[in-house]
C-alpha atoms as a PDB file:
ATOM      1  CA  MET A   1       9.751  20.312  18.157  1.00  0.00           C
ATOM      2  CA  ALA A   2       5.998  20.411  18.696  1.00  0.00           C
ATOM      3  CA  LEU A   3       5.479  19.050  15.185  1.00  0.00           C
ATOM      4  CA  LEU A   4       7.882  16.179  15.807  1.00  0.00           C
ATOM      5  CA  ARG A   5       6.248  15.383  19.142  1.00  0.00           C
ATOM      6  CA  ALA A   6       2.782  15.304  17.562  1.00  0.00           C
ATOM      7  CA  VAL A   7       3.900  12.962  14.795  1.00  0.00           C
ATOM      8  CA  VAL A   8       5.773  10.628  17.156  1.00  0.00           C
ATOM      9  CA  LEU A   9       2.908  10.363  19.624  1.00  0.00           C
ATOM     10  CA  SER A  10       0.411   9.775  16.819  1.00  0.00           C
ATOM     11  CA  GLY A  11       2.673   7.103  15.346  1.00  0.00           C
ATOM     12  CA  LEU A  12       2.964   5.234  18.644  1.00  0.00           C
ATOM     13  CA  GLY A  13      -0.814   5.216  18.964  1.00  0.00           C
ATOM     14  CA  ALA A  14      -1.236   3.939  15.410  1.00  0.00           C
ATOM     15  CA  ILE A  15       1.271   1.128  16.011  1.00  0.00           C
ATOM     16  CA  ALA A  16      -0.604   0.033  19.131  1.00  0.00           C
ATOM     17  CA  VAL A  17      -3.968   0.030  17.342  1.00  0.00           C
ATOM     18  CA  LEU A  18      -2.651  -1.869  14.307  1.00  0.00           C
ATOM     19  CA  ALA A  19      -0.839  -4.445  16.420  1.00  0.00           C
ATOM     20  CA  ALA A  20      -3.914  -5.062  18.555  1.00  0.00           C
ATOM     21  CA  ALA A  21      -6.178  -5.332  15.502  1.00  0.00           C
ATOM     22  CA  GLY A  22      -3.833  -7.741  13.762  1.00  0.00           C
ATOM     23  CA  ARG A  23      -3.508 -10.006  16.782  1.00  0.00           C
ATOM     24  CA  VAL A  24      -7.281 -10.076  17.270  1.00  0.00           C
ATOM     25  CA  ILE A  25      -7.845 -10.964  13.609  1.00  0.00           C
ATOM     26  CA  ARG A  26      -5.367 -13.830  13.843  1.00  0.00           C
ATOM     27  CA  LEU A  27      -6.941 -15.025  17.083  1.00  0.00           C
ATOM     28  CA  LEU A  28     -10.511 -14.972  15.746  1.00  0.00           C
ATOM     29  CA  ASP A  29      -9.993 -16.404  12.260  1.00  0.00           C
ATOM     30  CA  GLY A  30      -6.615 -18.127  12.328  1.00  0.00           C
ATOM     31  CA  ASP A  31      -3.968 -17.968   9.617  1.00  0.00           C
ATOM     32  CA  ASP A  32      -6.221 -19.407   6.891  1.00  0.00           C
ATOM     33  CA  PRO A  33      -9.155 -17.006   7.204  1.00  0.00           C
ATOM     34  CA  ARG A  34     -12.492 -17.366   5.455  1.00  0.00           C
ATOM     35  CA  GLU A  35     -11.888 -14.118   3.596  1.00  0.00           C
ATOM     36  CA  ASP A  36      -9.344 -15.931   1.397  1.00  0.00           C
ATOM     37  CA  ARG A  37     -12.064 -18.125  -0.094  1.00  0.00           C
ATOM     38  CA  ALA A  38     -13.316 -15.300  -2.301  1.00  0.00           C
ATOM     39  CA  VAL A  39      -9.811 -14.655  -3.601  1.00  0.00           C
ATOM     40  CA  ARG A  40      -9.226 -18.326  -4.357  1.00  0.00           C
ATOM     41  CA  ALA A  41     -12.587 -18.524  -6.113  1.00  0.00           C
ATOM     42  CA  LEU A  42     -11.767 -15.540  -8.325  1.00  0.00           C
ATOM     43  CA  GLN A  43      -8.310 -16.870  -9.156  1.00  0.00           C
ATOM     44  CA  ASP A  44      -9.753 -20.307  -9.913  1.00  0.00           C
ATOM     45  CA  ALA A  45     -12.440 -18.806 -12.176  1.00  0.00           C
ATOM     46  CA  LEU A  46      -9.710 -17.103 -14.199  1.00  0.00           C
ATOM     47  CA  GLY A  47      -7.613 -20.248 -14.522  1.00  0.00           C
ATOM     48  CA  HIS A  48      -5.022 -19.738 -11.784  1.00  0.00           C
ATOM     49  CA  ARG A  49      -4.034 -22.529  -9.431  1.00  0.00           C
ATOM     50  CA  PRO A  50      -1.864 -22.541  -6.306  1.00  0.00           C
ATOM     51  CA  GLY A  51       1.744 -23.138  -7.290  1.00  0.00           C
ATOM     52  CA  ASP A  52       1.237 -21.905 -10.859  1.00  0.00           C
ATOM     53  CA  GLY A  53       2.687 -18.537  -9.994  1.00  0.00           C
ATOM     54  CA  ASP A  54       6.120 -19.334  -8.644  1.00  0.00           C
ATOM     55  CA  ALA A  55       9.119 -17.753 -10.358  1.00  0.00           C
ATOM     56  CA  VAL A  56       9.921 -20.833 -12.459  1.00  0.00           C
ATOM     57  CA  GLY A  57       6.324 -21.341 -13.501  1.00  0.00           C
ATOM     58  CA  ALA A  58       5.829 -17.695 -14.378  1.00  0.00           C
ATOM     59  CA  THR A  59       8.967 -17.644 -16.515  1.00  0.00           C
ATOM     60  CA  ALA A  60       7.993 -20.850 -18.305  1.00  0.00           C
ATOM     61  CA  SER A  61       4.503 -19.505 -18.965  1.00  0.00           C
ATOM     62  CA  ALA A  62       5.887 -16.267 -20.398  1.00  0.00           C
ATOM     63  CA  GLN A  63       8.317 -18.119 -22.638  1.00  0.00           C
ATOM     64  CA  SER A  64       5.621 -20.432 -23.935  1.00  0.00           C
ATOM     65  CA  GLY A  65       3.635 -17.483 -25.244  1.00  0.00           C
ATOM     66  CA  GLU A  66       0.476 -18.479 -23.379  1.00  0.00           C
ATOM     67  CA  PRO A  67      -2.102 -15.650 -23.367  1.00  0.00           C
ATOM     68  CA  ARG A  68      -2.552 -13.901 -20.020  1.00  0.00           C
ATOM     69  CA  GLU A  69      -5.984 -13.074 -18.684  1.00  0.00           C
ATOM     70  CA  MET A  70      -6.919  -9.413 -18.348  1.00  0.00           C
ATOM     71  CA  LEU A  71      -6.679  -9.001 -14.563  1.00  0.00           C
ATOM     72  CA  ASP A  72      -3.189 -10.495 -14.615  1.00  0.00           C
ATOM     73  CA  VAL A  73      -2.173  -8.034 -17.324  1.00  0.00           C
ATOM     74  CA  LEU A  74      -3.679  -5.060 -15.473  1.00  0.00           C
ATOM     75  CA  THR A  75      -2.504  -5.869 -11.947  1.00  0.00           C
ATOM     76  CA  ALA A  76       1.100  -6.820 -12.769  1.00  0.00           C
ATOM     77  CA  PRO A  77       2.285  -3.226 -13.459  1.00  0.00           C
ATOM     78  CA  LEU A  78       0.323  -1.950 -10.446  1.00  0.00           C
ATOM     79  CA  SER A  79       2.061  -4.442  -8.178  1.00  0.00           C
ATOM     80  CA  TRP A  80       5.426  -3.467  -9.682  1.00  0.00           C
ATOM     81  CA  TYR A  81       4.707   0.268  -9.377  1.00  0.00           C
ATOM     82  CA  SER A  82       3.942  -0.104  -5.661  1.00  0.00           C
ATOM     83  CA  GLY A  83       7.253  -1.881  -4.951  1.00  0.00           C
ATOM     84  CA  VAL A  84       9.644  -0.539  -2.339  1.00  0.00           C
ATOM     85  CA  PRO A  85      12.326   0.893  -4.695  1.00  0.00           C
ATOM     86  CA  GLN A  86       9.704   2.471  -6.926  1.00  0.00           C
ATOM     87  CA  THR A  87       7.880   4.035  -3.960  1.00  0.00           C
ATOM     88  CA  ILE A  88      11.104   5.490  -2.557  1.00  0.00           C
ATOM     89  CA  ALA A  89      11.952   6.905  -5.989  1.00  0.00           C
ATOM     90  CA  ASN A  90       8.449   8.348  -6.366  1.00  0.00           C
ATOM     91  CA  GLY A  91       8.673  10.027  -2.981  1.00  0.00           C
ATOM     92  CA  ALA A  92      12.051  11.573  -3.795  1.00  0.00           C
ATOM     93  CA  ILE A  93      10.920  12.724  -7.238  1.00  0.00           C
ATOM     94  CA  TRP A  94       7.780  14.382  -5.895  1.00  0.00           C
ATOM     95  CA  CYS A  95       9.671  16.067  -3.071  1.00  0.00           C
ATOM     96  CA  GLY A  96      12.053  17.572  -5.618  1.00  0.00           C
ATOM     97  CA  ALA A  97       9.305  18.526  -8.055  1.00  0.00           C
ATOM     98  CA  THR A  98       7.244  20.154  -5.301  1.00  0.00           C
ATOM     99  CA  TRP A  99      10.215  22.228  -4.175  1.00  0.00           C
ATOM    100  CA  LEU A 100      10.943  23.386  -7.709  1.00  0.00           C
ATOM    101  CA  LEU A 101       7.312  24.330  -8.313  1.00  0.00           C
ATOM    102  CA  THR A 102       6.433  25.933  -4.966  1.00  0.00           C
ATOM    103  CA  ARG A 103       9.657  26.780  -3.074  1.00  0.00           C
ATOM    104  CA  ASP A 104       7.633  25.877   0.012  1.00  0.00           C
ATOM    105  CA  ARG A 105       9.754  23.794   2.378  1.00  0.00           C
ATOM    106  CA  ARG A 106       6.856  22.172   4.221  1.00  0.00           C
ATOM    107  CA  SER A 107       5.164  21.175   0.998  1.00  0.00           C
ATOM    108  CA  ALA A 108       8.403  19.819  -0.410  1.00  0.00           C
ATOM    109  CA  ILE A 109       9.042  17.429   2.472  1.00  0.00           C
ATOM    110  CA  ALA A 110       5.396  16.391   2.904  1.00  0.00           C
ATOM    111  CA  PRO A 111       5.550  13.308   0.589  1.00  0.00           C
ATOM    112  CA  ALA A 112       8.664  11.996   2.330  1.00  0.00           C
ATOM    113  CA  THR A 113       7.173  12.666   5.758  1.00  0.00           C
ATOM    114  CA  ALA A 114       4.003  10.744   4.914  1.00  0.00           C
ATOM    115  CA  LEU A 115       6.028   7.782   3.662  1.00  0.00           C
ATOM    116  CA  ALA A 116       8.367   7.868   6.660  1.00  0.00           C
ATOM    117  CA  LEU A 117       5.446   7.893   9.101  1.00  0.00           C
ATOM    118  CA  GLU A 118       3.628   5.105   7.252  1.00  0.00           C
ATOM    119  CA  THR A 119       6.754   2.968   6.960  1.00  0.00           C
ATOM    120  CA  THR A 120       7.639   3.291  10.644  1.00  0.00           C
ATOM    121  CA  CYS A 121       4.136   2.276  11.713  1.00  0.00           C
ATOM    122  CA  PHE A 122       4.027  -0.564   9.182  1.00  0.00           C
ATOM    123  CA  VAL A 123       7.388  -2.065  10.143  1.00  0.00           C
ATOM    124  CA  ALA A 124       6.698  -1.891  13.876  1.00  0.00           C
ATOM    125  CA  SER A 125       3.145  -3.268  13.729  1.00  0.00           C
ATOM    126  CA  ALA A 126       4.082  -5.993  11.220  1.00  0.00           C
ATOM    127  CA  ALA A 127       6.854  -7.178  13.546  1.00  0.00           C
ATOM    128  CA  LEU A 128       4.344  -7.423  16.388  1.00  0.00           C
ATOM    129  CA  VAL A 129       1.594  -9.187  14.405  1.00  0.00           C
ATOM    130  CA  ARG A 130       3.728 -11.587  12.313  1.00  0.00           C
ATOM    131  CA  ARG A 131       0.827 -12.788  10.188  1.00  0.00           C
ATOM    132  CA  PRO A 132       1.688 -15.355   7.480  1.00  0.00           C
ATOM    133  CA  ARG A 133       0.924 -14.657   3.822  1.00  0.00           C
ATOM    134  CA  PRO A 134      -2.161 -16.315   2.291  1.00  0.00           C
ATOM    135  CA  ASP A 135      -1.853 -20.038   1.709  1.00  0.00           C
ATOM    136  CA  ARG A 136      -3.033 -22.122  -1.269  1.00  0.00           C
ATOM    137  CA  VAL A 137      -3.295 -19.128  -3.606  1.00  0.00           C
ATOM    138  CA  TRP A 138      -1.826 -18.165  -6.968  1.00  0.00           C
ATOM    139  CA  ARG A 139       1.099 -15.828  -6.293  1.00  0.00           C
ATOM    140  CA  PRO A 140       3.141 -14.837  -9.377  1.00  0.00           C
ATOM    141  CA  GLU A 141       5.685 -12.745  -7.456  1.00  0.00           C
ATOM    142  CA  GLN A 142       7.890 -13.694  -4.532  1.00  0.00           C
ATOM    143  CA  PRO A 143       6.511 -12.082  -1.347  1.00  0.00           C
ATOM    144  CA  HIS A 144       8.590  -9.996   1.022  1.00  0.00           C
ATOM    145  CA  ALA A 145       9.745 -11.560   4.278  1.00  0.00           C
ATOM    146  CA  THR A 146       7.683  -9.115   6.352  1.00  0.00           C
ATOM    147  CA  SER A 147       4.367  -9.926   8.010  1.00  0.00           C
ATOM    148  CA  SER A 148       1.295  -9.963   5.798  1.00  0.00           C
ATOM    149  CA  PHE A 149      -0.531  -7.563   8.159  1.00  0.00           C
ATOM    150  CA  PRO A 150      -0.814  -4.720   7.387  1.00  0.00           C
ATOM    151  CA  SER A 151      -0.177  -4.314   3.654  1.00  0.00           C
ATOM    152  CA  GLY A 152       2.779  -1.956   3.422  1.00  0.00           C
ATOM    153  CA  HIS A 153       2.437  -1.467  -0.337  1.00  0.00           C
ATOM    154  CA  THR A 154      -1.197  -0.430   0.087  1.00  0.00           C
ATOM    155  CA  ALA A 155      -0.418   1.870   3.010  1.00  0.00           C
ATOM    156  CA  ALA A 156       2.426   3.570   1.152  1.00  0.00           C
ATOM    157  CA  ALA A 157       0.257   4.076  -1.932  1.00  0.00           C
ATOM    158  CA  PHE A 158      -2.526   5.769   0.039  1.00  0.00           C
ATOM    159  CA  ALA A 159      -0.071   7.834   2.101  1.00  0.00           C
ATOM    160  CA  LEU A 160       1.935   9.119  -0.869  1.00  0.00           C
ATOM    161  CA  HIS A 161      -0.869   9.675  -3.351  1.00  0.00           C
ATOM    162  CA  GLY A 162      -3.158  11.152  -0.698  1.00  0.00           C
ATOM    163  CA  THR A 163      -0.453  13.663   0.192  1.00  0.00           C
ATOM    164  CA  LEU A 164       0.010  14.519  -3.480  1.00  0.00           C
ATOM    165  CA  ALA A 165      -3.729  15.210  -3.724  1.00  0.00           C
ATOM    166  CA  ASP A 166      -3.473  17.434  -0.632  1.00  0.00           C
ATOM    167  CA  LEU A 167      -0.614  19.353  -2.243  1.00  0.00           C
ATOM    168  CA  LEU A 168      -2.753  20.002  -5.320  1.00  0.00           C
ATOM    169  CA  ASP A 169      -5.480  21.393  -3.074  1.00  0.00           C
ATOM    170  CA  ARG A 170      -3.067  23.478  -0.976  1.00  0.00           C
ATOM    171  CA  HIS A 171      -1.566  25.203  -3.994  1.00  0.00           C
ATOM    172  CA  GLY A 172      -4.732  25.475  -6.071  1.00  0.00           C
ATOM    173  CA  ALA A 173      -3.326  23.473  -8.961  1.00  0.00           C
ATOM    174  CA  ARG A 174      -5.270  23.413 -12.168  1.00  0.00           C
ATOM    175  CA  GLY A 175      -7.239  20.185 -12.528  1.00  0.00           C
ATOM    176  CA  ALA A 176      -7.077  19.411  -8.794  1.00  0.00           C
ATOM    177  CA  ARG A 177     -10.780  18.504  -8.688  1.00  0.00           C
ATOM    178  CA  LEU A 178     -10.251  15.849 -11.357  1.00  0.00           C
ATOM    179  CA  LEU A 179      -6.800  14.598 -10.381  1.00  0.00           C
ATOM    180  CA  GLY A 180      -7.389  14.693  -6.623  1.00  0.00           C
ATOM    181  CA  PRO A 181      -9.836  11.758  -6.393  1.00  0.00           C
ATOM    182  CA  ILE A 182      -7.763   9.729  -8.866  1.00  0.00           C
ATOM    183  CA  LEU A 183      -4.654  10.234  -6.745  1.00  0.00           C
ATOM    184  CA  ARG A 184      -6.403   9.855  -3.402  1.00  0.00           C
ATOM    185  CA  TYR A 185      -8.555   6.812  -4.182  1.00  0.00           C
ATOM    186  CA  GLY A 186      -8.197   5.542  -7.756  1.00  0.00           C
ATOM    187  CA  ILE A 187      -4.510   4.646  -8.027  1.00  0.00           C
ATOM    188  CA  PRO A 188      -4.009   3.367  -4.457  1.00  0.00           C
ATOM    189  CA  GLY A 189      -7.327   1.490  -4.554  1.00  0.00           C
ATOM    190  CA  ALA A 190      -6.223  -0.321  -7.699  1.00  0.00           C
ATOM    191  CA  ILE A 191      -2.916  -1.159  -6.021  1.00  0.00           C
ATOM    192  CA  ALA A 192      -4.745  -2.581  -2.991  1.00  0.00           C
ATOM    193  CA  PHE A 193      -6.801  -4.822  -5.275  1.00  0.00           C
ATOM    194  CA  SER A 194      -3.689  -5.979  -7.109  1.00  0.00           C
ATOM    195  CA  ARG A 195      -2.024  -7.022  -3.865  1.00  0.00           C
ATOM    196  CA  VAL A 196      -4.981  -9.213  -2.917  1.00  0.00           C
ATOM    197  CA  TYR A 197      -5.615 -10.603  -6.385  1.00  0.00           C
ATOM    198  CA  ARG A 198      -1.982 -11.593  -6.872  1.00  0.00           C
ATOM    199  CA  GLY A 199      -1.951 -13.560  -3.626  1.00  0.00           C
ATOM    200  CA  GLN A 200       0.278 -11.254  -1.621  1.00  0.00           C
ATOM    201  CA  HIS A 201      -2.208 -10.334   1.103  1.00  0.00           C
ATOM    202  CA  HIS A 202      -5.384 -11.292   2.881  1.00  0.00           C
ATOM    203  CA  ILE A 203      -8.227  -8.832   2.277  1.00  0.00           C
ATOM    204  CA  SER A 204      -8.040  -7.571   5.875  1.00  0.00           C
ATOM    205  CA  ASP A 205      -4.336  -6.794   5.377  1.00  0.00           C
ATOM    206  CA  THR A 206      -5.183  -4.280   2.676  1.00  0.00           C
ATOM    207  CA  VAL A 207      -8.071  -2.836   4.695  1.00  0.00           C
ATOM    208  CA  ALA A 208      -5.573  -2.135   7.465  1.00  0.00           C
ATOM    209  CA  GLY A 209      -3.157  -0.762   4.859  1.00  0.00           C
ATOM    210  CA  VAL A 210      -5.815   1.628   3.561  1.00  0.00           C
ATOM    211  CA  ALA A 211      -6.504   2.847   7.098  1.00  0.00           C
ATOM    212  CA  LEU A 212      -2.798   3.344   7.820  1.00  0.00           C
ATOM    213  CA  GLY A 213      -2.145   5.158   4.546  1.00  0.00           C
ATOM    214  CA  VAL A 214      -5.152   7.473   4.827  1.00  0.00           C
ATOM    215  CA  TRP A 215      -4.286   8.205   8.458  1.00  0.00           C
ATOM    216  CA  SER A 216      -0.634   8.959   7.589  1.00  0.00           C
ATOM    217  CA  ALA A 217      -1.660  11.394   4.868  1.00  0.00           C
ATOM    218  CA  GLY A 218      -4.121  12.981   7.285  1.00  0.00           C
ATOM    219  CA  VAL A 219      -1.474  13.518   9.962  1.00  0.00           C
ATOM    220  CA  VAL A 220       0.823  15.213   7.432  1.00  0.00           C
ATOM    221  CA  ARG A 221      -2.038  17.323   6.085  1.00  0.00           C
ATOM    222  CA  ARG A 222      -3.030  18.596   9.532  1.00  0.00           C
ATOM    223  CA  ALA A 223       0.537  19.072  10.786  1.00  0.00           C
ATOM    224  CA  MET A 224       2.203  20.508   7.687  1.00  0.00           C
ATOM    225  CA  LEU A 225      -0.251  21.576   4.984  1.00  0.00           C
ATOM    226  CA  SER A 226      -3.220  23.120   6.787  1.00  0.00           C
ATOM    227  CA  SER A 227      -1.582  26.411   7.788  1.00  0.00           C
END
Protein backbone atom coordinates (compact mmCIF):
# COMPACT_ATOMS: atom_id res chain seq x y z
CA MET A 1 0.00 0.00 0.00
CA ALA A 2 2.83 2.38 0.86
CA LEU A 3 4.47 1.59 -2.47
CA LEU A 4 1.27 2.32 -4.37
CA ARG A 5 0.74 5.56 -2.47
CA ALA A 6 4.29 6.73 -3.22
CA VAL A 7 3.92 6.01 -6.93
CA VAL A 8 0.50 7.66 -7.19
CA LEU A 9 1.56 10.81 -5.36
CA SER A 10 4.73 11.06 -7.43
CA GLY A 11 2.71 10.60 -10.62
CA LEU A 12 0.27 13.38 -9.72
CA GLY A 13 3.19 15.73 -9.09
CA ALA A 14 4.81 14.81 -12.40
CA ILE A 15 1.55 15.43 -14.29
CA ALA A 16 1.21 18.87 -12.71
CA VAL A 17 4.80 19.82 -13.57
CA LEU A 18 4.55 18.58 -17.17
CA ALA A 19 1.21 20.27 -17.76
CA ALA A 20 2.49 23.58 -16.39
CA ALA A 21 5.70 23.37 -18.44
CA GLY A 22 3.82 22.55 -21.62
CA ARG A 23 1.36 25.40 -21.20
CA VAL A 24 4.17 27.87 -20.50
CA ILE A 25 6.09 26.74 -23.59
CA ARG A 26 3.01 27.21 -25.76
CA LEU A 27 2.34 30.61 -24.21
CA LEU A 28 5.90 31.88 -24.70
CA ASP A 29 6.67 30.56 -28.18
CA GLY A 30 3.32 29.73 -29.75
CA ASP A 31 2.52 26.64 -31.79
CA ASP A 32 5.17 27.32 -34.45
CA PRO A 33 8.21 27.69 -32.18
CA ARG A 34 11.64 28.87 -33.27
CA GLU A 35 13.11 25.52 -32.29
CA ASP A 36 11.50 23.97 -35.39
CA ARG A 37 13.69 26.06 -37.68
CA ALA A 38 16.70 23.84 -37.04
CA VAL A 39 14.69 20.73 -37.86
CA ARG A 40 13.35 22.23 -41.08
CA ALA A 41 16.86 23.32 -42.05
CA LEU A 42 18.24 19.81 -41.53
CA GLN A 43 15.39 18.20 -43.44
CA ASP A 44 15.78 20.72 -46.26
CA ALA A 45 19.55 20.10 -46.44
CA LEU A 46 18.86 16.39 -46.92
CA GLY A 47 16.27 16.94 -49.63
CA HIS A 48 13.02 16.64 -47.67
CA ARG A 49 10.16 19.07 -48.16
CA PRO A 50 6.90 19.54 -46.26
CA GLY A 51 4.24 17.31 -47.77
CA ASP A 52 6.77 14.90 -49.28
CA GLY A 53 6.30 12.48 -46.44
CA ASP A 54 2.60 11.74 -46.46
CA ALA A 55 1.50 8.12 -46.84
CA VAL A 56 0.83 8.40 -50.59
CA GLY A 57 4.09 10.20 -51.27
CA ALA A 58 6.12 7.77 -49.20
CA THR A 59 4.61 4.78 -50.98
CA ALA A 60 5.19 6.33 -54.41
CA SER A 61 8.79 7.14 -53.51
CA ALA A 62 9.42 3.58 -52.32
CA GLN A 63 7.90 2.10 -55.46
CA SER A 64 9.95 4.35 -57.71
CA GLY A 65 13.17 2.97 -56.28
CA GLU A 66 14.51 6.40 -55.36
CA PRO A 67 17.54 6.15 -53.03
CA ARG A 68 16.89 7.16 -49.43
CA GLU A 69 19.32 9.34 -47.53
CA MET A 70 21.13 7.82 -44.57
CA LEU A 71 19.26 9.49 -41.70
CA ASP A 72 15.96 8.38 -43.19
CA VAL A 73 17.24 4.82 -43.41
CA LEU A 74 18.57 4.87 -39.83
CA THR A 75 15.66 6.62 -38.12
CA ALA A 76 12.81 4.69 -39.77
CA PRO A 77 13.37 1.43 -37.80
CA LEU A 78 13.95 3.42 -34.59
CA SER A 79 10.62 5.19 -35.01
CA TRP A 80 8.93 1.85 -35.72
CA TYR A 81 10.61 0.14 -32.75
CA SER A 82 9.33 2.83 -30.38
CA GLY A 83 5.71 2.41 -31.53
CA VAL A 84 2.96 1.65 -29.04
CA PRO A 85 2.38 -2.05 -29.93
CA GLN A 86 6.11 -2.73 -30.05
CA THR A 87 6.69 -1.03 -26.68
CA ILE A 88 3.88 -3.00 -25.03
CA ALA A 89 5.30 -6.22 -26.47
CA ASN A 90 8.81 -5.31 -25.31
CA GLY A 91 7.57 -4.62 -21.80
CA ALA A 92 5.72 -7.94 -21.63
CA ILE A 93 8.67 -9.88 -23.04
CA TRP A 94 11.13 -8.37 -20.58
CA CYS A 95 8.81 -8.94 -17.64
CA GLY A 96 8.59 -12.61 -18.58
CA ALA A 97 12.30 -12.96 -19.27
CA THR A 98 13.20 -11.27 -15.97
CA TRP A 99 10.94 -13.63 -14.04
CA LEU A 100 12.42 -16.68 -15.73
CA LEU A 101 15.98 -15.52 -15.06
CA THR A 102 15.62 -14.17 -11.51
CA ARG A 103 12.38 -15.50 -9.96
CA ASP A 104 12.25 -12.10 -8.26
CA ARG A 105 8.70 -10.75 -8.36
CA ARG A 106 9.64 -7.09 -7.93
CA SER A 107 12.22 -7.27 -10.68
CA ALA A 108 9.81 -9.06 -12.98
CA ILE A 109 7.12 -6.39 -12.78
CA ALA A 110 9.53 -3.43 -12.82
CA PRO A 111 9.49 -2.90 -16.64
CA ALA A 112 5.69 -2.92 -16.73
CA THR A 113 5.48 -0.61 -13.73
CA ALA A 114 7.83 1.92 -15.33
CA LEU A 115 5.80 1.89 -18.54
CA ALA A 116 2.49 2.14 -16.68
CA LEU A 117 3.70 5.13 -14.66
CA GLU A 118 5.14 6.87 -17.72
CA THR A 119 2.03 6.23 -19.81
CA THR A 120 -0.35 7.54 -17.14
CA CYS A 121 1.65 10.74 -16.74
CA PHE A 122 2.01 11.16 -20.51
CA VAL A 123 -1.68 10.69 -21.30
CA ALA A 124 -2.85 13.01 -18.53
CA SER A 125 -0.35 15.81 -19.22
CA ALA A 126 -0.81 15.57 -23.00
CA ALA A 127 -4.57 15.98 -22.56
CA LEU A 128 -3.97 19.12 -20.50
CA VAL A 129 -1.38 20.69 -22.82
CA ARG A 130 -2.91 19.80 -26.22
CA ARG A 131 0.07 21.03 -28.22
CA PRO A 132 -0.19 20.63 -32.02
CA ARG A 133 2.41 18.65 -33.95
CA PRO A 134 5.10 20.59 -35.85
CA ASP A 135 3.89 22.38 -38.95
CA ARG A 136 5.58 22.71 -42.36
CA VAL A 137 7.91 19.74 -41.80
CA TRP A 138 8.64 16.48 -43.58
CA ARG A 139 6.72 13.74 -41.77
CA PRO A 140 6.86 10.29 -43.41
CA GLU A 141 4.57 8.60 -40.87
CA GLN A 142 1.06 9.52 -39.79
CA PRO A 143 1.20 11.06 -36.29
CA HIS A 144 -0.93 9.88 -33.39
CA ALA A 145 -3.95 11.96 -32.40
CA THR A 146 -2.45 12.77 -28.99
CA SER A 147 -0.82 16.07 -28.06
CA SER A 148 2.72 16.64 -29.27
CA PHE A 149 3.88 17.50 -25.72
CA PRO A 150 5.42 15.50 -24.18
CA SER A 151 6.82 12.85 -26.53
CA GLY A 152 5.32 9.59 -25.33
CA HIS A 153 7.55 7.43 -27.52
CA THR A 154 10.65 9.10 -26.08
CA ALA A 155 9.38 8.84 -22.51
CA ALA A 156 8.52 5.16 -22.89
CA ALA A 157 11.93 4.41 -24.40
CA PHE A 158 13.81 6.04 -21.52
CA ALA A 159 11.52 4.50 -18.90
CA LEU A 160 11.73 0.94 -20.24
CA HIS A 161 15.38 0.85 -21.24
CA GLY A 162 16.47 2.70 -18.10
CA THR A 163 14.68 0.10 -15.99
CA LEU A 164 16.34 -2.69 -17.95
CA ALA A 165 19.73 -1.11 -17.21
CA ASP A 166 18.78 -0.93 -13.52
CA LEU A 167 17.86 -4.62 -13.57
CA LEU A 168 21.29 -5.48 -14.98
CA ASP A 169 22.89 -3.54 -12.13
CA ARG A 170 20.62 -5.06 -9.46
CA HIS A 171 21.42 -8.62 -10.47
CA GLY A 172 25.08 -8.11 -11.35
CA ALA A 173 24.65 -9.26 -14.93
CA ARG A 174 27.74 -9.87 -16.96
CA GLY A 175 28.44 -6.96 -19.31
CA ALA A 176 26.27 -4.54 -17.31
CA ARG A 177 28.93 -1.81 -17.47
CA LEU A 178 28.89 -1.94 -21.27
CA LEU A 179 25.20 -2.62 -21.88
CA GLY A 180 23.92 -0.29 -19.16
CA PRO A 181 24.82 3.04 -20.84
CA ILE A 182 23.64 1.75 -24.23
CA LEU A 183 20.27 0.82 -22.75
CA ARG A 184 19.97 3.87 -20.53
CA TYR A 185 21.08 6.54 -23.01
CA GLY A 186 22.08 5.16 -26.42
CA ILE A 187 18.91 3.46 -27.66
CA PRO A 188 16.37 5.90 -26.17
CA GLY A 189 18.49 8.90 -27.22
CA ALA A 190 18.49 7.66 -30.80
CA ILE A 191 14.73 7.20 -30.62
CA ALA A 192 14.29 10.77 -29.35
CA PHE A 193 16.31 12.07 -32.30
CA SER A 194 14.27 10.00 -34.74
CA ARG A 195 11.02 11.46 -33.44
CA VAL A 196 12.24 15.01 -34.03
CA TYR A 197 13.96 14.33 -37.34
CA ARG A 198 10.91 12.59 -38.79
CA GLY A 199 8.68 15.55 -37.97
CA GLN A 200 6.67 13.96 -35.18
CA HIS A 201 7.69 16.30 -32.37
CA HIS A 202 9.11 19.68 -31.48
CA ILE A 203 12.53 19.47 -29.82
CA SER A 204 11.07 20.55 -26.46
CA ASP A 205 8.56 17.68 -26.66
CA THR A 206 11.37 15.15 -26.62
CA VAL A 207 13.23 17.02 -23.87
CA ALA A 208 10.11 16.68 -21.74
CA GLY A 209 9.85 13.03 -22.82
CA VAL A 210 13.43 12.38 -21.70
CA ALA A 211 12.70 13.96 -18.32
CA LEU A 212 9.51 11.93 -17.88
CA GLY A 213 11.14 8.66 -18.90
CA VAL A 214 14.22 9.11 -16.71
CA TRP A 215 12.03 10.15 -13.79
CA SER A 216 9.72 7.12 -14.25
CA ALA A 217 12.67 4.73 -14.26
CA GLY A 218 14.04 6.49 -11.19
CA VAL A 219 10.79 6.11 -9.26
CA VAL A 220 10.69 2.37 -10.04
CA ARG A 221 14.36 1.98 -9.13
CA ARG A 222 13.95 3.65 -5.74
CA ALA A 223 10.60 2.00 -4.93
CA MET A 224 11.21 -1.52 -6.22
CA LEU A 225 14.85 -2.25 -7.04
CA SER A 226 16.92 -0.51 -4.36
CA SER A 227 16.20 -2.92 -1.50
